[in-house]
């Protein structure tokens, strides 16, 4: 290769129909001289429909399953027709739908849905969409080479949320992707998909197409990774909650990762890890507002890199993680007793339940969790040595910036901006780039607007658009 590749990932809204796929092809054609590698998600909403299909099959609801399967089939046929049709692609789509139908009938007959089988069902969105995108790329004069991501990204056997094995994946990338690039082709893969050493299909979890792109970008030593979505980049706040949200031109990996974990929907939380470790910059771009030429923070998108410009404002962004649960663990019996915290963490570890924020005192611990599915069992286990109280409908507000520990009076400014709104928990000092607050979920819109008005009324043009 004359230059390193550019890995381009297109999300569901960027492949939602024939028009979106034609736009995708134009964008890729504009990058043709930069050796593009294209990673695509399932068409918008398809992953949700596949989850419904799996649930209907498990419940032996054959009528609902047939209706869902028919709707999926009709939508993909319609997209192919909108691209001008292609007999070979049509046959390939029908073959995949026949395979999916057989799988659904098998689940209904057995009445069981294992993690491995769920991954098999969920894989079809990212197996179908590349077939359609290949047609669009050909129509744009490109030479796409369809690769099976299950043979490229190698993972462990944690079905539904597998973790990549980088050494094995590197060998597959060198064997399959690099030669395609050297031959002048455009490698085309479905995101989200991977496979074990034995060749059994796995998935990287919801939002895993971003992760796929980052893994490929790191293993290829790409010059950049482009995440194409339906927003202009990373914003100072969620525009649905805060009308004055502005685009961030540049942000650091650490800041972006913190935002992704605490609710920013633009990126999957795992996306940035491979890119961060390899030093490959990531761009977040809007496929609906595409401008020809390489990305430029002055015109469009957000650049995420190891270092970002300093800003005069303390914060770069406010994000929120909604509908969380606050768990309070109180035990006077554990007063000054060692092992209290370990006993708590052992319970959460046993139930594989991540904890987002923690606040502690001598005899009590308050913490937040996003997934309450295991909460009854967790409460029973904790109840053996402590009293447990749970409060739902809470939210974490996360204010992200740089060197926050060294900014005097910052917490006071935050509380002053919130006024009479109640703050249940606060985390400051645990991270140099994050202040976390827990508030009632109903207060999130008002809290976001007040904080944004206080800290983003005057924007640094070097960092914000």
Protein backbone atom coordinates (compact mmCIF):
# COMPACT_ATOMS: atom_id res chain seq x y z
CA UNK A 1 0.00 0.00 0.00
CA UNK A 2 1.24 3.47 -0.88
CA UNK A 3 -0.39 4.96 2.22
CA UNK A 4 -2.09 3.51 5.30
CA UNK A 5 -5.74 2.65 4.96
CA UNK A 6 -8.69 4.76 6.09
CA UNK A 7 -11.23 2.65 7.98
CA UNK A 8 -14.76 3.97 7.39
CA UNK A 9 -17.59 2.70 9.57
CA UNK A 10 -21.18 3.52 8.59
CA UNK A 11 -23.91 3.17 11.20
CA UNK A 12 -27.48 2.00 10.78
CA UNK A 13 -28.89 5.35 9.67
CA UNK A 14 -26.14 5.61 7.06
CA UNK A 15 -27.34 2.34 5.47
CA UNK A 16 -31.04 2.65 6.28
CA UNK A 17 -32.26 2.57 2.67
CA UNK A 18 -31.10 2.69 -0.95
CA UNK A 19 -30.66 6.48 -0.90
CA UNK A 20 -28.42 6.29 2.19
CA UNK A 21 -26.36 3.52 0.58
CA UNK A 22 -25.86 5.54 -2.60
CA UNK A 23 -24.68 8.46 -0.45
CA UNK A 24 -22.33 6.06 1.37
CA UNK A 25 -20.88 4.95 -1.97
CA UNK A 26 -20.22 8.57 -2.97
CA UNK A 27 -18.40 9.18 0.31
CA UNK A 28 -16.24 6.07 -0.12
CA UNK A 29 -15.49 7.00 -3.75
CA UNK A 30 -14.23 10.36 -2.49
CA UNK A 31 -11.72 8.42 -0.33
CA UNK A 32 -10.70 5.98 -3.09
CA UNK A 33 -7.10 7.22 -3.22
CA UNK A 34 -6.70 6.68 0.53
CA UNK A 35 -7.28 2.90 0.46
CA UNK A 36 -10.67 2.77 2.23
CA UNK A 37 -11.81 -0.20 4.29
CA UNK A 38 -15.60 -0.12 4.77
CA UNK A 39 -17.38 -1.48 7.85
CA UNK A 40 -21.18 -1.35 7.91
CA UNK A 41 -23.83 -1.85 10.56
CA UNK A 42 -27.19 -3.48 10.00
CA UNK A 43 -29.86 -1.26 8.46
CA UNK A 44 -31.44 1.04 11.06
CA UNK A 45 -33.77 -0.79 13.49
CA UNK A 46 -32.92 -4.24 12.07
CA UNK A 47 -30.95 -5.31 15.15
CA UNK A 48 -33.96 -4.49 17.34
CA UNK A 49 -36.21 -6.48 15.02
CA UNK A 50 -33.87 -9.46 15.15
CA UNK A 51 -34.01 -9.34 18.96
CA UNK A 52 -37.82 -9.35 18.74
CA UNK A 53 -37.63 -12.23 16.30
CA UNK A 54 -35.49 -14.27 18.67
CA UNK A 55 -37.92 -13.56 21.54
CA UNK A 56 -40.91 -14.57 19.41
CA UNK A 57 -39.18 -17.80 18.41
CA UNK A 58 -38.33 -18.61 22.02
CA UNK A 59 -41.97 -18.06 22.97
CA UNK A 60 -43.01 -20.32 20.06
CA UNK A 61 -45.07 -17.42 18.70
CA UNK A 62 -44.84 -18.57 15.11
CA UNK A 63 -47.27 -15.96 13.79
CA UNK A 64 -45.26 -13.04 15.22
CA UNK A 65 -41.99 -14.61 14.08
CA UNK A 66 -43.29 -15.06 10.54
CA UNK A 67 -44.51 -11.45 10.43
CA UNK A 68 -41.15 -10.09 11.63
CA UNK A 69 -39.22 -12.28 9.22
CA UNK A 70 -41.43 -11.19 6.33
CA UNK A 71 -40.98 -7.51 7.18
CA UNK A 72 -37.20 -7.87 7.29
CA UNK A 73 -37.18 -9.70 3.99
CA UNK A 74 -39.41 -7.11 2.30
CA UNK A 75 -37.27 -4.22 3.50
CA UNK A 76 -34.03 -5.68 2.16
CA UNK A 77 -35.69 -6.56 -1.14
CA UNK A 78 -36.97 -3.00 -1.41
CA UNK A 79 -33.48 -1.58 -0.78
CA UNK A 80 -32.00 -3.83 -3.45
CA UNK A 81 -34.65 -2.72 -5.93
CA UNK A 82 -33.87 0.91 -5.06
CA UNK A 83 -30.23 0.27 -5.93
CA UNK A 84 -31.21 -0.96 -9.37
CA UNK A 85 -31.41 -4.66 -8.57
CA UNK A 86 -28.83 -7.41 -8.92
CA UNK A 87 -29.72 -11.07 -9.52
CA UNK A 88 -26.74 -12.55 -7.66
CA UNK A 89 -27.30 -10.30 -4.67
CA UNK A 90 -31.01 -11.12 -4.66
CA UNK A 91 -30.20 -14.83 -4.56
CA UNK A 92 -27.70 -14.28 -1.73
CA UNK A 93 -30.30 -12.37 0.29
CA UNK A 94 -32.87 -15.13 -0.18
CA UNK A 95 -30.32 -17.74 0.90
CA UNK A 96 -29.62 -15.83 4.13
CA UNK A 97 -33.32 -15.40 4.89
CA UNK A 98 -33.87 -19.12 4.36
CA UNK A 99 -31.03 -19.78 6.82
CA UNK A 100 -32.56 -17.34 9.32
CA UNK A 101 -35.96 -18.99 8.93
CA UNK A 102 -34.48 -22.41 9.66
CA UNK A 103 -32.74 -21.02 12.75
CA UNK A 104 -35.94 -19.42 14.06
CA UNK A 105 -37.91 -22.63 13.58
CA UNK A 106 -35.18 -24.54 15.43
CA UNK A 107 -35.37 -22.17 18.41
CA UNK A 108 -39.16 -22.54 18.52
CA UNK A 109 -38.92 -26.34 18.36
CA UNK A 110 -36.28 -26.66 21.09
CA UNK A 111 -37.62 -23.84 23.28
CA UNK A 112 -34.14 -22.67 24.17
CA UNK A 113 -32.05 -19.64 23.22
CA UNK A 114 -28.40 -19.93 24.24
CA UNK A 115 -25.87 -17.13 23.93
CA UNK A 116 -24.37 -18.86 20.91
CA UNK A 117 -27.75 -19.13 19.20
CA UNK A 118 -28.64 -15.55 20.05
CA UNK A 119 -25.41 -14.41 18.42
CA UNK A 120 -26.32 -16.44 15.36
CA UNK A 121 -29.69 -14.67 15.07
CA UNK A 122 -28.26 -11.23 15.75
CA UNK A 123 -25.54 -11.68 13.13
CA UNK A 124 -27.94 -11.52 10.21
CA UNK A 125 -28.29 -7.72 10.17
CA UNK A 126 -24.57 -7.29 9.52
CA UNK A 127 -24.51 -10.22 7.11
CA UNK A 128 -27.33 -8.78 4.99
CA UNK A 129 -26.39 -5.10 4.76
CA UNK A 130 -22.90 -5.62 3.20
CA UNK A 131 -24.54 -7.44 0.29
CA UNK A 132 -26.57 -4.33 -0.49
CA UNK A 133 -23.69 -1.92 0.11
CA UNK A 134 -21.56 -3.95 -2.30
CA UNK A 135 -24.10 -3.20 -5.03
CA UNK A 136 -23.98 0.53 -4.24
CA UNK A 137 -20.17 0.57 -4.28
CA UNK A 138 -20.08 -1.19 -7.64
CA UNK A 139 -22.57 1.32 -9.06
CA UNK A 140 -20.16 4.08 -7.92
CA UNK A 141 -17.34 2.55 -9.96
CA UNK A 142 -15.49 0.93 -7.06
CA UNK A 143 -14.29 -2.65 -6.71
CA UNK A 144 -15.58 -3.89 -3.34
CA UNK A 145 -14.35 -7.20 -1.95
CA UNK A 146 -16.77 -8.70 0.55
CA UNK A 147 -15.02 -10.28 3.55
CA UNK A 148 -16.65 -12.30 6.33
CA UNK A 149 -15.90 -10.45 9.57
CA UNK A 150 -16.32 -13.74 11.44
CA UNK A 151 -13.12 -14.89 9.75
CA UNK A 152 -11.22 -11.64 10.31
CA UNK A 153 -11.80 -10.59 13.94
CA UNK A 154 -11.00 -13.46 16.30
CA UNK A 155 -12.48 -13.42 19.80
CA UNK A 156 -12.88 -15.48 22.93
CA UNK A 157 -16.04 -17.53 23.50
CA UNK A 158 -18.05 -15.01 25.54
CA UNK A 159 -21.08 -15.10 23.29
CA UNK A 160 -23.11 -11.86 22.98
CA UNK A 161 -20.18 -9.74 24.26
CA UNK A 162 -17.00 -11.37 22.99
CA UNK A 163 -13.57 -9.84 23.47
CA UNK A 164 -11.03 -9.66 20.62
CA UNK A 165 -7.86 -11.72 20.56
CA UNK A 166 -5.49 -9.29 18.92
CA UNK A 167 -2.60 -11.56 17.93
CA UNK A 168 -4.92 -14.00 16.13
CA UNK A 169 -6.90 -11.13 14.60
CA UNK A 170 -3.69 -9.54 13.33
CA UNK A 171 -2.84 -12.72 11.43
CA UNK A 172 -6.27 -12.78 9.82
CA UNK A 173 -6.09 -9.10 8.88
CA UNK A 174 -2.66 -9.67 7.32
CA UNK A 175 -3.97 -12.68 5.42
CA UNK A 176 -7.33 -11.33 4.25
CA UNK A 177 -7.60 -7.54 4.43
CA UNK A 178 -4.10 -6.37 3.52
CA UNK A 179 -3.92 -8.36 0.24
CA UNK A 180 -7.30 -6.96 -0.84
CA UNK A 181 -6.02 -3.43 -0.27
CA UNK A 182 -2.79 -4.17 -2.12
CA UNK A 183 -4.86 -5.41 -5.06
CA UNK A 184 -6.73 -2.10 -5.21
CA UNK A 185 -10.01 -3.49 -3.91
CA UNK A 186 -12.22 -1.93 -1.23
CA UNK A 187 -12.53 -4.44 1.64
CA UNK A 188 -16.14 -4.51 2.86
CA UNK A 189 -17.14 -6.12 6.15
CA UNK A 190 -20.12 -6.23 8.46
CA UNK A 191 -19.37 -4.71 11.84
CA UNK A 192 -20.36 -6.21 15.20
CA UNK A 193 -19.45 -9.72 13.99
CA UNK A 194 -16.48 -11.87 14.93
CA UNK A 195 -15.62 -15.53 15.41
CA UNK A 196 -13.81 -17.83 17.80
CA UNK A 197 -10.58 -19.69 16.99
CA UNK A 198 -12.80 -22.61 16.00
CA UNK A 199 -14.77 -20.45 13.56
CA UNK A 200 -17.97 -20.18 15.63
CA UNK A 201 -19.69 -16.81 15.15
CA UNK A 202 -19.71 -14.33 18.02
CA UNK A 203 -20.75 -10.70 18.42
CA UNK A 204 -19.01 -7.77 20.11
CA UNK A 205 -22.15 -6.50 21.88
CA UNK A 206 -24.56 -3.72 20.99
CA UNK A 207 -22.79 -0.85 19.27
CA UNK A 208 -20.01 -3.27 18.38
CA UNK A 209 -19.67 -2.05 14.78
CA UNK A 210 -17.74 0.94 16.13
CA UNK A 211 -15.54 -1.52 18.01
CA UNK A 212 -14.99 -3.55 14.81
CA UNK A 213 -13.79 -0.45 12.99
CA UNK A 214 -11.44 0.52 15.81
CA UNK A 215 -9.95 -2.99 15.95
CA UNK A 216 -9.35 -3.00 12.19
CA UNK A 217 -7.94 0.53 12.29
CA UNK A 218 -5.48 -0.43 15.01
CA UNK A 219 -4.40 -3.69 13.34
CA UNK A 220 -3.96 -2.00 9.96
CA UNK A 221 -2.11 0.98 11.41
CA UNK A 222 -4.67 3.15 9.64
CA UNK A 223 -4.09 6.86 9.09
CA UNK A 224 -7.54 7.47 10.63
CA UNK A 225 -10.84 5.85 11.56
CA UNK A 226 -14.03 7.55 10.41
CA UNK A 227 -17.29 6.88 12.26
CA UNK A 228 -20.14 7.99 9.99
CA UNK A 229 -23.45 8.61 11.73
CA UNK A 230 -26.41 11.02 11.53
CA UNK A 231 -25.07 13.80 13.77
CA UNK A 232 -22.46 16.47 13.03
CA UNK A 233 -19.94 15.08 15.50
CA UNK A 234 -19.66 15.14 19.27
CA UNK A 235 -21.67 17.99 20.80
CA UNK A 236 -21.40 19.92 24.03
CA UNK A 237 -24.70 18.37 25.16
CA UNK A 238 -27.53 16.23 23.87
CA UNK A 239 -29.40 18.56 21.47
CA UNK A 240 -32.68 16.87 22.38
CA UNK A 241 -32.23 18.14 25.92
CA UNK A 242 -30.30 21.32 25.29
CA UNK A 243 -31.16 23.49 22.29
CA UNK A 244 -27.88 25.44 22.46
CA UNK A 245 -25.59 22.42 22.04
CA UNK A 246 -22.56 23.11 19.84
CA UNK A 247 -20.13 20.92 17.93
CA UNK A 248 -16.77 20.06 19.49
CA UNK A 249 -14.02 20.34 16.88
CA UNK A 250 -11.40 18.33 18.76
CA UNK A 251 -11.33 16.27 21.92
CA UNK A 252 -8.89 13.88 23.58
CA UNK A 253 -9.29 10.12 23.70
CA UNK A 254 -9.68 10.20 27.48
CA UNK A 255 -12.42 12.81 27.37
CA UNK A 256 -14.30 11.08 24.55
CA UNK A 257 -14.09 7.68 26.28
CA UNK A 258 -15.51 9.17 29.48
CA UNK A 259 -18.38 10.74 27.54
CA UNK A 260 -19.10 7.50 25.68
CA UNK A 261 -19.28 5.54 28.92
CA UNK A 262 -21.52 8.08 30.61
CA UNK A 263 -24.25 8.21 28.05
CA UNK A 264 -23.01 9.95 24.88
CA UNK A 265 -24.69 7.93 22.11
CA UNK A 266 -22.35 8.90 19.28
CA UNK A 267 -19.71 6.29 20.13
CA UNK A 268 -19.70 2.86 21.71
CA UNK A 269 -17.68 2.94 24.99
CA UNK A 270 -15.26 0.24 23.77
CA UNK A 271 -14.57 1.93 20.45
CA UNK A 272 -11.75 4.13 21.52
CA UNK A 273 -9.58 1.56 23.31
CA UNK A 274 -7.84 0.02 20.27
CA UNK A 275 -7.49 3.43 18.61
CA UNK A 276 -6.14 4.97 21.82
CA UNK A 277 -3.53 2.26 22.28
CA UNK A 278 -2.41 2.46 18.65
CA UNK A 279 -2.57 6.25 18.38
CA UNK A 280 -4.93 6.21 15.36
CA UNK A 281 -7.12 9.35 15.31
CA UNK A 282 -10.89 8.88 15.14
CA UNK A 283 -13.27 11.22 13.33
CA UNK A 284 -17.01 11.37 14.02
CA UNK A 285 -18.81 12.58 10.90
CA UNK A 286 -22.34 13.08 9.57
CA UNK A 287 -23.12 11.12 6.41
CA UNK A 288 -26.18 13.32 5.80
CA UNK A 289 -24.02 16.47 5.79
CA UNK A 290 -21.05 15.09 3.84
CA UNK A 291 -18.63 17.51 2.23
CA UNK A 292 -16.08 16.23 -0.33
CA UNK A 293 -12.47 16.05 0.77
CA UNK A 294 -10.75 14.79 3.92
CA UNK A 295 -12.35 15.72 7.25
CA UNK A 296 -11.48 19.10 8.67
CA UNK A 297 -12.55 20.17 12.14
CA UNK A 298 -13.08 23.71 10.92
CA UNK A 299 -15.77 22.49 8.50
CA UNK A 300 -17.28 19.35 9.88
CA UNK A 301 -17.01 16.53 12.41
CA UNK A 302 -15.09 15.94 15.61
CA UNK A 303 -11.49 14.75 15.73
CA UNK A 304 -10.54 12.48 18.63
CA UNK A 305 -6.82 12.09 19.21
CA UNK A 306 -4.22 11.59 21.91
CA UNK A 307 -3.95 15.34 22.40
CA UNK A 308 -6.55 18.02 21.85
CA UNK A 309 -6.33 21.83 21.97
CA UNK A 310 -6.66 23.41 25.38
CA UNK A 311 -9.75 25.46 26.02
CA UNK A 312 -10.39 28.43 28.28
CA UNK A 313 -13.60 26.80 29.57
CA UNK A 314 -13.30 24.10 32.25
CA UNK A 315 -15.55 21.63 30.45
CA UNK A 316 -15.79 20.25 26.93
CA UNK A 317 -19.13 18.50 27.23
CA UNK A 318 -22.01 17.41 29.46
CA UNK A 319 -23.50 13.95 29.01
CA UNK A 320 -26.05 11.96 30.94
CA UNK A 321 -26.74 8.33 31.69
CA UNK A 322 -30.45 8.02 32.40
CA UNK A 323 -32.70 5.55 34.20
CA UNK A 324 -30.04 4.25 36.51
CA UNK A 325 -30.59 2.82 39.99
CA UNK A 326 -28.90 4.05 43.17
CA UNK A 327 -28.16 1.24 45.64
CA UNK A 328 -27.43 2.17 49.25
CA UNK A 329 -25.71 -0.48 51.39
CA UNK A 330 -25.76 0.32 55.12
CA UNK A 331 -24.39 -1.78 57.97
CA UNK A 332 -23.61 -0.52 61.47
CA UNK A 333 -22.44 -4.07 62.21
CA UNK A 334 -19.50 -3.42 59.89
CA UNK A 335 -18.38 -0.31 61.81
CA UNK A 336 -14.56 -0.20 61.57
CA UNK A 337 -14.54 -3.79 60.30
CA UNK A 338 -12.19 -4.60 57.48
CA UNK A 339 -13.57 -6.38 54.43
CA UNK A 340 -16.85 -4.42 54.16
CA UNK A 341 -16.07 -3.03 50.72
CA UNK A 342 -14.65 -6.33 49.51
CA UNK A 343 -17.83 -8.13 50.54
CA UNK A 344 -19.90 -5.65 48.53
CA UNK A 345 -17.71 -5.84 45.40
CA UNK A 346 -17.67 -9.62 45.55
CA UNK A 347 -21.47 -9.64 45.29
CA UNK A 348 -21.51 -7.36 42.25
CA UNK A 349 -18.67 -9.31 40.64
CA UNK A 350 -20.49 -12.60 41.18
CA UNK A 351 -23.54 -11.24 39.35
CA UNK A 352 -21.41 -9.59 36.61
CA UNK A 353 -23.03 -6.22 37.34
CA UNK A 354 -20.88 -3.13 36.54
CA UNK A 355 -20.92 -0.18 38.93
CA UNK A 356 -20.65 3.37 37.55
CA UNK A 357 -20.28 5.70 40.54
CA UNK A 358 -19.45 5.09 44.21
CA UNK A 359 -19.67 7.19 47.37
CA UNK A 360 -18.57 5.77 50.73
CA UNK A 361 -18.67 6.51 54.45
CA UNK A 362 -17.65 4.46 57.47
CA UNK A 363 -20.73 2.23 57.46
CA UNK A 364 -22.48 2.88 54.17
CA UNK A 365 -21.83 2.77 50.47
CA UNK A 366 -23.94 4.39 47.74
CA UNK A 367 -23.41 3.22 44.19
CA UNK A 368 -25.13 3.33 40.83
CA UNK A 369 -25.89 0.59 38.32
CA UNK A 370 -27.33 0.87 34.83
CA UNK A 371 -28.66 -2.67 34.47
CA UNK A 372 -31.04 -3.66 37.30
CA UNK A 373 -31.85 -7.14 35.92
CA UNK A 374 -29.82 -8.89 38.64
CA UNK A 375 -30.81 -6.44 41.40
CA UNK A 376 -33.18 -8.77 43.32
CA UNK A 377 -30.44 -11.41 43.64
CA UNK A 378 -27.85 -8.76 44.49
CA UNK A 379 -30.09 -7.29 47.20
CA UNK A 380 -30.64 -10.76 48.70
CA UNK A 381 -26.89 -11.39 48.83
CA UNK A 382 -26.12 -7.97 50.31
CA UNK A 383 -28.95 -8.38 52.81
CA UNK A 384 -26.98 -11.11 54.61
CA UNK A 385 -24.66 -8.48 56.09
CA UNK A 386 -26.29 -5.08 55.45
CA UNK A 387 -29.49 -3.15 54.91
CA UNK A 388 -30.16 -2.36 51.27
CA UNK A 389 -32.19 0.49 49.82
CA UNK A 390 -32.74 1.08 46.13
CA UNK A 391 -33.92 4.20 44.31
CA UNK A 392 -34.85 4.01 40.66
CA UNK A 393 -35.44 6.74 38.07
CA UNK A 394 -32.12 8.42 38.77
CA UNK A 395 -29.56 9.77 36.31
CA UNK A 396 -25.84 10.54 36.18
CA UNK A 397 -24.76 13.90 34.80
CA UNK A 398 -21.15 13.83 33.68
CA UNK A 399 -19.19 17.05 33.09
CA UNK A 400 -15.98 16.32 31.21
CA UNK A 401 -12.94 18.56 30.79
CA UNK A 402 -9.22 18.64 31.54
CA UNK A 403 -7.29 19.29 34.77
CA UNK A 404 -10.50 19.64 36.77
CA UNK A 405 -8.72 18.88 40.03
CA UNK A 406 -6.60 22.00 39.60
CA UNK A 407 -9.55 24.35 38.97
CA UNK A 408 -10.50 25.92 42.32
CA UNK A 409 -14.15 26.41 43.18
CA UNK A 410 -15.43 24.31 40.29
CA UNK A 411 -17.83 22.19 42.37
CA UNK A 412 -19.25 25.36 43.89
CA UNK A 413 -19.93 26.76 40.43
CA UNK A 414 -21.69 23.53 39.44
CA UNK A 415 -23.93 23.56 42.52
CA UNK A 416 -24.67 27.25 42.05
CA UNK A 417 -25.78 26.59 38.48
CA UNK A 418 -28.09 23.78 39.60
CA UNK A 419 -29.73 25.98 42.23
CA UNK A 420 -32.50 24.20 44.11
CA UNK A 421 -32.25 20.96 42.09
CA UNK A 422 -31.37 18.10 44.41
CA UNK A 423 -28.05 16.28 43.95
CA UNK A 424 -28.07 12.82 45.47
CA UNK A 425 -24.42 11.91 44.91
CA UNK A 426 -21.29 13.63 43.64
CA UNK A 427 -17.98 12.23 42.43
CA UNK A 428 -15.07 14.66 42.15
CA UNK A 429 -11.37 13.99 42.42
CA UNK A 430 -11.50 10.34 41.38
CA UNK A 431 -10.78 11.51 37.84
CA UNK A 432 -8.94 14.56 36.50
CA UNK A 433 -11.41 14.89 33.65
CA UNK A 434 -14.82 14.15 35.14
CA UNK A 435 -17.26 15.51 37.70
CA UNK A 436 -20.23 13.17 38.17
CA UNK A 437 -23.56 14.03 39.74
CA UNK A 438 -26.61 11.89 40.44
CA UNK A 439 -29.95 13.66 40.12
CA UNK A 440 -33.56 12.62 39.73
CA UNK A 441 -34.20 11.50 36.15
CA UNK A 442 -37.07 13.99 35.83
CA UNK A 443 -34.64 16.84 36.58
CA UNK A 444 -32.21 15.95 33.77
CA UNK A 445 -33.48 18.40 31.09
CA UNK A 446 -33.54 21.35 33.48
CA UNK A 447 -30.15 20.43 34.98
CA UNK A 448 -28.54 20.05 31.56
CA UNK A 449 -29.87 23.42 30.38
CA UNK A 450 -28.71 25.22 33.52
CA UNK A 451 -25.22 23.71 33.39
CA UNK A 452 -24.87 24.38 29.68
CA UNK A 453 -25.94 27.99 30.09
CA UNK A 454 -23.42 28.47 32.90
CA UNK A 455 -20.37 26.83 31.34
CA UNK A 456 -20.90 27.15 27.58
CA UNK A 457 -22.22 30.69 27.17
CA UNK A 458 -18.83 31.82 25.80
CA UNK A 459 -17.14 29.23 23.57
CA UNK A 460 -13.50 28.99 22.62
CA UNK A 461 -13.40 29.02 18.77
CA UNK A 462 -10.28 26.84 18.80
CA UNK A 463 -12.28 23.96 20.26
CA UNK A 464 -15.96 24.62 19.54
CA UNK A 465 -17.84 25.40 16.33
